[in-house]
Amino acid sequence: MLGITIEFTEEELAELRAEAKERGVAIKRLAHDILAEDVVRRRLKQRFVEGAVQYALEYKAEFEQEFPEGLR
């Protein structure tokens, strides 16, 4: 399996150690899970935003017709 090297401050590493201990997992497993979860969360957020923009654009003309410039 491929790996990466990540540098942490002493404070960050202490927080990671504490979190890993609380969860009962190794620091490597915790770091992997946090990174993987964040990537998924960011991608889902981006898809949501893109969908919301598309939805808004579909109704933009109708909205502008119903609510002229002075009524918005």
PDB file of N, CA and C in Angstrom:
ATOM      1  N   MET A   1       0.841  -1.168   0.000  1.00  0.00           N
ATOM      2  CA  MET A   1       0.000   0.000   0.000  1.00  0.00           C
ATOM      3  C   MET A   1       0.894   1.242   0.000  1.00  0.00           C
ATOM      4  N   LEU A   2       0.506   2.245  -0.764  1.00  0.00           N
ATOM      5  CA  LEU A   2       1.263   3.487  -0.810  1.00  0.00           C
ATOM      6  C   LEU A   2       1.066   4.277   0.466  1.00  0.00           C
ATOM      7  N   GLY A   3       2.012   5.135   0.778  1.00  0.00           N
ATOM      8  CA  GLY A   3       1.917   5.941   1.984  1.00  0.00           C
ATOM      9  C   GLY A   3       2.342   7.369   1.712  1.00  0.00           C
ATOM     10  N   ILE A   4       2.044   8.229   2.658  1.00  0.00           N
ATOM     11  CA  ILE A   4       2.472   9.621   2.595  1.00  0.00           C
ATOM     12  C   ILE A   4       3.060   9.995   3.952  1.00  0.00           C
ATOM     13  N   THR A   5       3.853  11.035   3.957  1.00  0.00           N
ATOM     14  CA  THR A   5       4.416  11.543   5.200  1.00  0.00           C
ATOM     15  C   THR A   5       3.763  12.883   5.485  1.00  0.00           C
ATOM     16  N   ILE A   6       3.265  13.041   6.694  1.00  0.00           N
ATOM     17  CA  ILE A   6       2.620  14.286   7.098  1.00  0.00           C
ATOM     18  C   ILE A   6       3.329  14.800   8.338  1.00  0.00           C
ATOM     19  N   GLU A   7       3.669  16.066   8.330  1.00  0.00           N
ATOM     20  CA  GLU A   7       4.327  16.665   9.487  1.00  0.00           C
ATOM     21  C   GLU A   7       3.297  17.363  10.355  1.00  0.00           C
ATOM     22  N   PHE A   8       3.419  17.174  11.668  1.00  0.00           N
ATOM     23  CA  PHE A   8       2.524  17.786  12.645  1.00  0.00           C
ATOM     24  C   PHE A   8       3.341  18.553  13.663  1.00  0.00           C
ATOM     25  N   THR A   9       2.721  19.571  14.246  1.00  0.00           N
ATOM     26  CA  THR A   9       3.351  20.239  15.378  1.00  0.00           C
ATOM     27  C   THR A   9       3.237  19.312  16.577  1.00  0.00           C
ATOM     28  N   GLU A  10       3.964  19.603  17.616  1.00  0.00           N
ATOM     29  CA  GLU A  10       3.878  18.792  18.835  1.00  0.00           C
ATOM     30  C   GLU A  10       2.451  18.813  19.391  1.00  0.00           C
ATOM     31  N   GLU A  11       1.817  19.983  19.336  1.00  0.00           N
ATOM     32  CA  GLU A  11       0.452  20.106  19.844  1.00  0.00           C
ATOM     33  C   GLU A  11      -0.532  19.277  19.017  1.00  0.00           C
ATOM     34  N   GLU A  12      -0.394  19.339  17.695  1.00  0.00           N
ATOM     35  CA  GLU A  12      -1.269  18.556  16.822  1.00  0.00           C
ATOM     36  C   GLU A  12      -1.088  17.058  17.058  1.00  0.00           C
ATOM     37  N   LEU A  13       0.160  16.653  17.185  1.00  0.00           N
ATOM     38  CA  LEU A  13       0.437  15.238  17.408  1.00  0.00           C
ATOM     39  C   LEU A  13      -0.100  14.777  18.762  1.00  0.00           C
ATOM     40  N   ALA A  14      -0.009  15.632  19.758  1.00  0.00           N
ATOM     41  CA  ALA A  14      -0.553  15.300  21.076  1.00  0.00           C
ATOM     42  C   ALA A  14      -2.068  15.111  20.993  1.00  0.00           C
ATOM     43  N   GLU A  15      -2.733  15.983  20.230  1.00  0.00           N
ATOM     44  CA  GLU A  15      -4.183  15.857  20.047  1.00  0.00           C
ATOM     45  C   GLU A  15      -4.523  14.557  19.313  1.00  0.00           C
ATOM     46  N   LEU A  16      -3.759  14.235  18.282  1.00  0.00           N
ATOM     47  CA  LEU A  16      -3.979  12.985  17.546  1.00  0.00           C
ATOM     48  C   LEU A  16      -3.783  11.775  18.454  1.00  0.00           C
ATOM     49  N   ARG A  17      -2.735  11.817  19.244  1.00  0.00           N
ATOM     50  CA  ARG A  17      -2.486  10.702  20.168  1.00  0.00           C
ATOM     51  C   ARG A  17      -3.642  10.527  21.144  1.00  0.00           C
ATOM     52  N   ALA A  18      -4.107  11.649  21.699  1.00  0.00           N
ATOM     53  CA  ALA A  18      -5.211  11.591  22.664  1.00  0.00           C
ATOM     54  C   ALA A  18      -6.473  11.044  22.007  1.00  0.00           C
ATOM     55  N   GLU A  19      -6.772  11.512  20.808  1.00  0.00           N
ATOM     56  CA  GLU A  19      -7.967  11.035  20.089  1.00  0.00           C
ATOM     57  C   GLU A  19      -7.849   9.554  19.757  1.00  0.00           C
ATOM     58  N   ALA A  20      -6.682   9.153  19.301  1.00  0.00           N
ATOM     59  CA  ALA A  20      -6.464   7.748  18.964  1.00  0.00           C
ATOM     60  C   ALA A  20      -6.626   6.875  20.207  1.00  0.00           C
ATOM     61  N   LYS A  21      -6.098   7.336  21.319  1.00  0.00           N
ATOM     62  CA  LYS A  21      -6.211   6.579  22.573  1.00  0.00           C
ATOM     63  C   LYS A  21      -7.670   6.451  22.993  1.00  0.00           C
ATOM     64  N   GLU A  22      -8.424   7.569  22.901  1.00  0.00           N
ATOM     65  CA  GLU A  22      -9.844   7.549  23.263  1.00  0.00           C
ATOM     66  C   GLU A  22     -10.629   6.565  22.395  1.00  0.00           C
ATOM     67  N   ARG A  23     -10.288   6.513  21.106  1.00  0.00           N
ATOM     68  CA  ARG A  23     -10.993   5.621  20.184  1.00  0.00           C
ATOM     69  C   ARG A  23     -10.457   4.193  20.207  1.00  0.00           C
ATOM     70  N   GLY A  24      -9.304   4.032  20.815  1.00  0.00           N
ATOM     71  CA  GLY A  24      -8.698   2.709  20.868  1.00  0.00           C
ATOM     72  C   GLY A  24      -8.142   2.245  19.536  1.00  0.00           C
ATOM     73  N   VAL A  25      -7.593   3.183  18.770  1.00  0.00           N
ATOM     74  CA  VAL A  25      -7.013   2.849  17.464  1.00  0.00           C
ATOM     75  C   VAL A  25      -5.611   3.434  17.378  1.00  0.00           C
ATOM     76  N   ALA A  26      -4.860   2.942  16.403  1.00  0.00           N
ATOM     77  CA  ALA A  26      -3.520   3.472  16.162  1.00  0.00           C
ATOM     78  C   ALA A  26      -3.615   4.848  15.515  1.00  0.00           C
ATOM     79  N   ILE A  27      -2.594   5.658  15.733  1.00  0.00           N
ATOM     80  CA  ILE A  27      -2.574   7.006  15.143  1.00  0.00           C
ATOM     81  C   ILE A  27      -2.677   6.928  13.626  1.00  0.00           C
ATOM     82  N   LYS A  28      -1.987   5.987  13.003  1.00  0.00           N
ATOM     83  CA  LYS A  28      -2.051   5.845  11.544  1.00  0.00           C
ATOM     84  C   LYS A  28      -3.478   5.564  11.085  1.00  0.00           C
ATOM     85  N   ARG A  29      -4.176   4.684  11.794  1.00  0.00           N
ATOM     86  CA  ARG A  29      -5.559   4.349  11.435  1.00  0.00           C
ATOM     87  C   ARG A  29      -6.445   5.581  11.599  1.00  0.00           C
ATOM     88  N   LEU A  30      -6.270   6.321  12.698  1.00  0.00           N
ATOM     89  CA  LEU A  30      -7.056   7.529  12.941  1.00  0.00           C
ATOM     90  C   LEU A  30      -6.816   8.563  11.844  1.00  0.00           C
ATOM     91  N   ALA A  31      -5.528   8.800  11.525  1.00  0.00           N
ATOM     92  CA  ALA A  31      -5.210   9.780  10.482  1.00  0.00           C
ATOM     93  C   ALA A  31      -5.807   9.355   9.146  1.00  0.00           C
ATOM     94  N   HIS A  32      -5.702   8.091   8.812  1.00  0.00           N
ATOM     95  CA  HIS A  32      -6.285   7.583   7.565  1.00  0.00           C
ATOM     96  C   HIS A  32      -7.783   7.831   7.539  1.00  0.00           C
ATOM     97  N   ASP A  33      -8.466   7.450   8.611  1.00  0.00           N
ATOM     98  CA  ASP A  33      -9.918   7.581   8.657  1.00  0.00           C
ATOM     99  C   ASP A  33     -10.362   9.037   8.567  1.00  0.00           C
ATOM    100  N   ILE A  34      -9.659   9.916   9.278  1.00  0.00           N
ATOM    101  CA  ILE A  34     -10.000  11.347   9.252  1.00  0.00           C
ATOM    102  C   ILE A  34      -9.833  11.903   7.841  1.00  0.00           C
ATOM    103  N   LEU A  35      -8.719  11.589   7.194  1.00  0.00           N
ATOM    104  CA  LEU A  35      -8.479  12.094   5.835  1.00  0.00           C
ATOM    105  C   LEU A  35      -9.505  11.540   4.849  1.00  0.00           C
ATOM    106  N   ALA A  36      -9.763  10.247   4.927  1.00  0.00           N
ATOM    107  CA  ALA A  36     -10.717   9.632   4.000  1.00  0.00           C
ATOM    108  C   ALA A  36     -12.119  10.200   4.206  1.00  0.00           C
ATOM    109  N   GLU A  37     -12.539  10.349   5.452  1.00  0.00           N
ATOM    110  CA  GLU A  37     -13.868  10.911   5.743  1.00  0.00           C
ATOM    111  C   GLU A  37     -13.980  12.343   5.245  1.00  0.00           C
ATOM    112  N   ASP A  38     -12.902  13.121   5.407  1.00  0.00           N
ATOM    113  CA  ASP A  38     -12.936  14.509   4.972  1.00  0.00           C
ATOM    114  C   ASP A  38     -13.039  14.619   3.458  1.00  0.00           C
ATOM    115  N   VAL A  39     -12.340  13.763   2.744  1.00  0.00           N
ATOM    116  CA  VAL A  39     -12.420  13.777   1.279  1.00  0.00           C
ATOM    117  C   VAL A  39     -13.852  13.478   0.834  1.00  0.00           C
ATOM    118  N   VAL A  40     -14.463  12.457   1.423  1.00  0.00           N
ATOM    119  CA  VAL A  40     -15.840  12.105   1.066  1.00  0.00           C
ATOM    120  C   VAL A  40     -16.770  13.267   1.386  1.00  0.00           C
ATOM    121  N   ARG A  41     -16.631  13.855   2.580  1.00  0.00           N
ATOM    122  CA  ARG A  41     -17.489  14.971   2.993  1.00  0.00           C
ATOM    123  C   ARG A  41     -17.348  16.163   2.043  1.00  0.00           C
ATOM    124  N   ARG A  42     -16.118  16.490   1.668  1.00  0.00           N
ATOM    125  CA  ARG A  42     -15.890  17.614   0.755  1.00  0.00           C
ATOM    126  C   ARG A  42     -16.494  17.353  -0.629  1.00  0.00           C
ATOM    127  N   ARG A  43     -16.358  16.135  -1.104  1.00  0.00           N
ATOM    128  CA  ARG A  43     -16.925  15.806  -2.422  1.00  0.00           C
ATOM    129  C   ARG A  43     -18.450  15.867  -2.392  1.00  0.00           C
ATOM    130  N   LEU A  44     -19.047  15.361  -1.325  1.00  0.00           N
ATOM    131  CA  LEU A  44     -20.505  15.428  -1.203  1.00  0.00           C
ATOM    132  C   LEU A  44     -20.977  16.873  -1.119  1.00  0.00           C
ATOM    133  N   LYS A  45     -20.253  17.694  -0.374  1.00  0.00           N
ATOM    134  CA  LYS A  45     -20.602  19.114  -0.271  1.00  0.00           C
ATOM    135  C   LYS A  45     -20.517  19.787  -1.635  1.00  0.00           C
ATOM    136  N   GLN A  46     -19.452  19.490  -2.378  1.00  0.00           N
ATOM    137  CA  GLN A  46     -19.289  20.089  -3.702  1.00  0.00           C
ATOM    138  C   GLN A  46     -20.419  19.663  -4.634  1.00  0.00           C
ATOM    139  N   ARG A  47     -20.796  18.394  -4.598  1.00  0.00           N
ATOM    140  CA  ARG A  47     -21.913  17.925  -5.434  1.00  0.00           C
ATOM    141  C   ARG A  47     -23.215  18.616  -5.042  1.00  0.00           C
ATOM    142  N   PHE A  48     -23.430  18.803  -3.746  1.00  0.00           N
ATOM    143  CA  PHE A  48     -24.628  19.488  -3.282  1.00  0.00           C
ATOM    144  C   PHE A  48     -24.662  20.922  -3.792  1.00  0.00           C
ATOM    145  N   VAL A  49     -23.540  21.625  -3.658  1.00  0.00           N
ATOM    146  CA  VAL A  49     -23.468  23.016  -4.104  1.00  0.00           C
ATOM    147  C   VAL A  49     -23.700  23.099  -5.609  1.00  0.00           C
ATOM    148  N   GLU A  50     -23.084  22.213  -6.360  1.00  0.00           N
ATOM    149  CA  GLU A  50     -23.278  22.220  -7.813  1.00  0.00           C
ATOM    150  C   GLU A  50     -24.737  21.962  -8.161  1.00  0.00           C
ATOM    151  N   GLY A  51     -25.380  21.044  -7.456  1.00  0.00           N
ATOM    152  CA  GLY A  51     -26.796  20.761  -7.688  1.00  0.00           C
ATOM    153  C   GLY A  51     -27.676  21.937  -7.327  1.00  0.00           C
ATOM    154  N   ALA A  52     -27.362  22.600  -6.222  1.00  0.00           N
ATOM    155  CA  ALA A  52     -28.143  23.763  -5.800  1.00  0.00           C
ATOM    156  C   ALA A  52     -28.011  24.899  -6.805  1.00  0.00           C
ATOM    157  N   VAL A  53     -26.810  25.097  -7.315  1.00  0.00           N
ATOM    158  CA  VAL A  53     -26.599  26.138  -8.323  1.00  0.00           C
ATOM    159  C   VAL A  53     -27.391  25.816  -9.580  1.00  0.00           C
ATOM    160  N   GLN A  54     -27.342  24.579 -10.016  1.00  0.00           N
ATOM    161  CA  GLN A  54     -28.075  24.159 -11.206  1.00  0.00           C
ATOM    162  C   GLN A  54     -29.580  24.368 -11.015  1.00  0.00           C
ATOM    163  N   TYR A  55     -30.080  23.997  -9.844  1.00  0.00           N
ATOM    164  CA  TYR A  55     -31.496  24.165  -9.521  1.00  0.00           C
ATOM    165  C   TYR A  55     -31.881  25.647  -9.572  1.00  0.00           C
ATOM    166  N   ALA A  56     -31.053  26.489  -8.959  1.00  0.00           N
ATOM    167  CA  ALA A  56     -31.332  27.927  -8.946  1.00  0.00           C
ATOM    168  C   ALA A  56     -31.323  28.502 -10.355  1.00  0.00           C
ATOM    169  N   LEU A  57     -30.387  28.063 -11.167  1.00  0.00           N
ATOM    170  CA  LEU A  57     -30.306  28.568 -12.536  1.00  0.00           C
ATOM    171  C   LEU A  57     -31.519  28.151 -13.366  1.00  0.00           C
ATOM    172  N   GLU A  58     -32.051  26.970 -13.083  1.00  0.00           N
ATOM    173  CA  GLU A  58     -33.229  26.503 -13.812  1.00  0.00           C
ATOM    174  C   GLU A  58     -34.454  27.380 -13.543  1.00  0.00           C
ATOM    175  N   TYR A  59     -34.524  27.936 -12.345  1.00  0.00           N
ATOM    176  CA  TYR A  59     -35.690  28.742 -11.976  1.00  0.00           C
ATOM    177  C   TYR A  59     -35.416  30.237 -11.975  1.00  0.00           C
ATOM    178  N   LYS A  60     -34.235  30.642 -12.378  1.00  0.00           N
ATOM    179  CA  LYS A  60     -33.846  32.051 -12.362  1.00  0.00           C
ATOM    180  C   LYS A  60     -34.755  32.909 -13.226  1.00  0.00           C
ATOM    181  N   ALA A  61     -35.011  32.494 -14.447  1.00  0.00           N
ATOM    182  CA  ALA A  61     -35.842  33.299 -15.352  1.00  0.00           C
ATOM    183  C   ALA A  61     -37.253  33.445 -14.795  1.00  0.00           C
ATOM    184  N   GLU A  62     -37.810  32.347 -14.286  1.00  0.00           N
ATOM    185  CA  GLU A  62     -39.154  32.394 -13.699  1.00  0.00           C
ATOM    186  C   GLU A  62     -39.177  33.313 -12.476  1.00  0.00           C
ATOM    187  N   PHE A  63     -38.181  33.229 -11.647  1.00  0.00           N
ATOM    188  CA  PHE A  63     -38.086  34.071 -10.461  1.00  0.00           C
ATOM    189  C   PHE A  63     -38.009  35.543 -10.845  1.00  0.00           C
ATOM    190  N   GLU A  64     -37.155  35.851 -11.819  1.00  0.00           N
ATOM    191  CA  GLU A  64     -36.995  37.238 -12.246  1.00  0.00           C
ATOM    192  C   GLU A  64     -38.274  37.783 -12.862  1.00  0.00           C
ATOM    193  N   GLN A  65     -39.039  36.914 -13.533  1.00  0.00           N
ATOM    194  CA  GLN A  65     -40.303  37.336 -14.114  1.00  0.00           C
ATOM    195  C   GLN A  65     -41.332  37.621 -13.011  1.00  0.00           C
ATOM    196  N   GLU A  66     -41.401  36.760 -12.018  1.00  0.00           N
ATOM    197  CA  GLU A  66     -42.359  36.915 -10.923  1.00  0.00           C
ATOM    198  C   GLU A  66     -41.996  38.049  -9.977  1.00  0.00           C
ATOM    199  N   PHE A  67     -40.720  38.303  -9.821  1.00  0.00           N
ATOM    200  CA  PHE A  67     -40.248  39.339  -8.910  1.00  0.00           C
ATOM    201  C   PHE A  67     -39.347  40.302  -9.668  1.00  0.00           C
ATOM    202  N   PRO A  68     -39.930  41.317 -10.277  1.00  0.00           N
ATOM    203  CA  PRO A  68     -39.131  42.289 -11.022  1.00  0.00           C
ATOM    204  C   PRO A  68     -38.074  42.951 -10.127  1.00  0.00           C
ATOM    205  N   GLU A  69     -37.128  43.595 -10.755  1.00  0.00           N
ATOM    206  CA  GLU A  69     -35.965  44.193 -10.085  1.00  0.00           C
ATOM    207  C   GLU A  69     -36.336  44.936  -8.805  1.00  0.00           C
ATOM    208  N   GLY A  70     -37.360  45.750  -8.824  1.00  0.00           N
ATOM    209  CA  GLY A  70     -37.714  46.551  -7.647  1.00  0.00           C
ATOM    210  C   GLY A  70     -38.355  45.739  -6.520  1.00  0.00           C
ATOM    211  N   LEU A  71     -38.761  44.506  -6.765  1.00  0.00           N
ATOM    212  CA  LEU A  71     -39.434  43.699  -5.755  1.00  0.00           C
ATOM    213  C   LEU A  71     -38.541  42.600  -5.138  1.00  0.00           C
ATOM    214  N   ARG A  72     -37.308  42.540  -5.533  1.00  0.00           N
ATOM    215  CA  ARG A  72     -36.413  41.480  -5.035  1.00  0.00           C
ATOM    216  C   ARG A  72     -35.748  41.851  -3.762  1.00  0.00           C
TER     217      ARG A  72
END
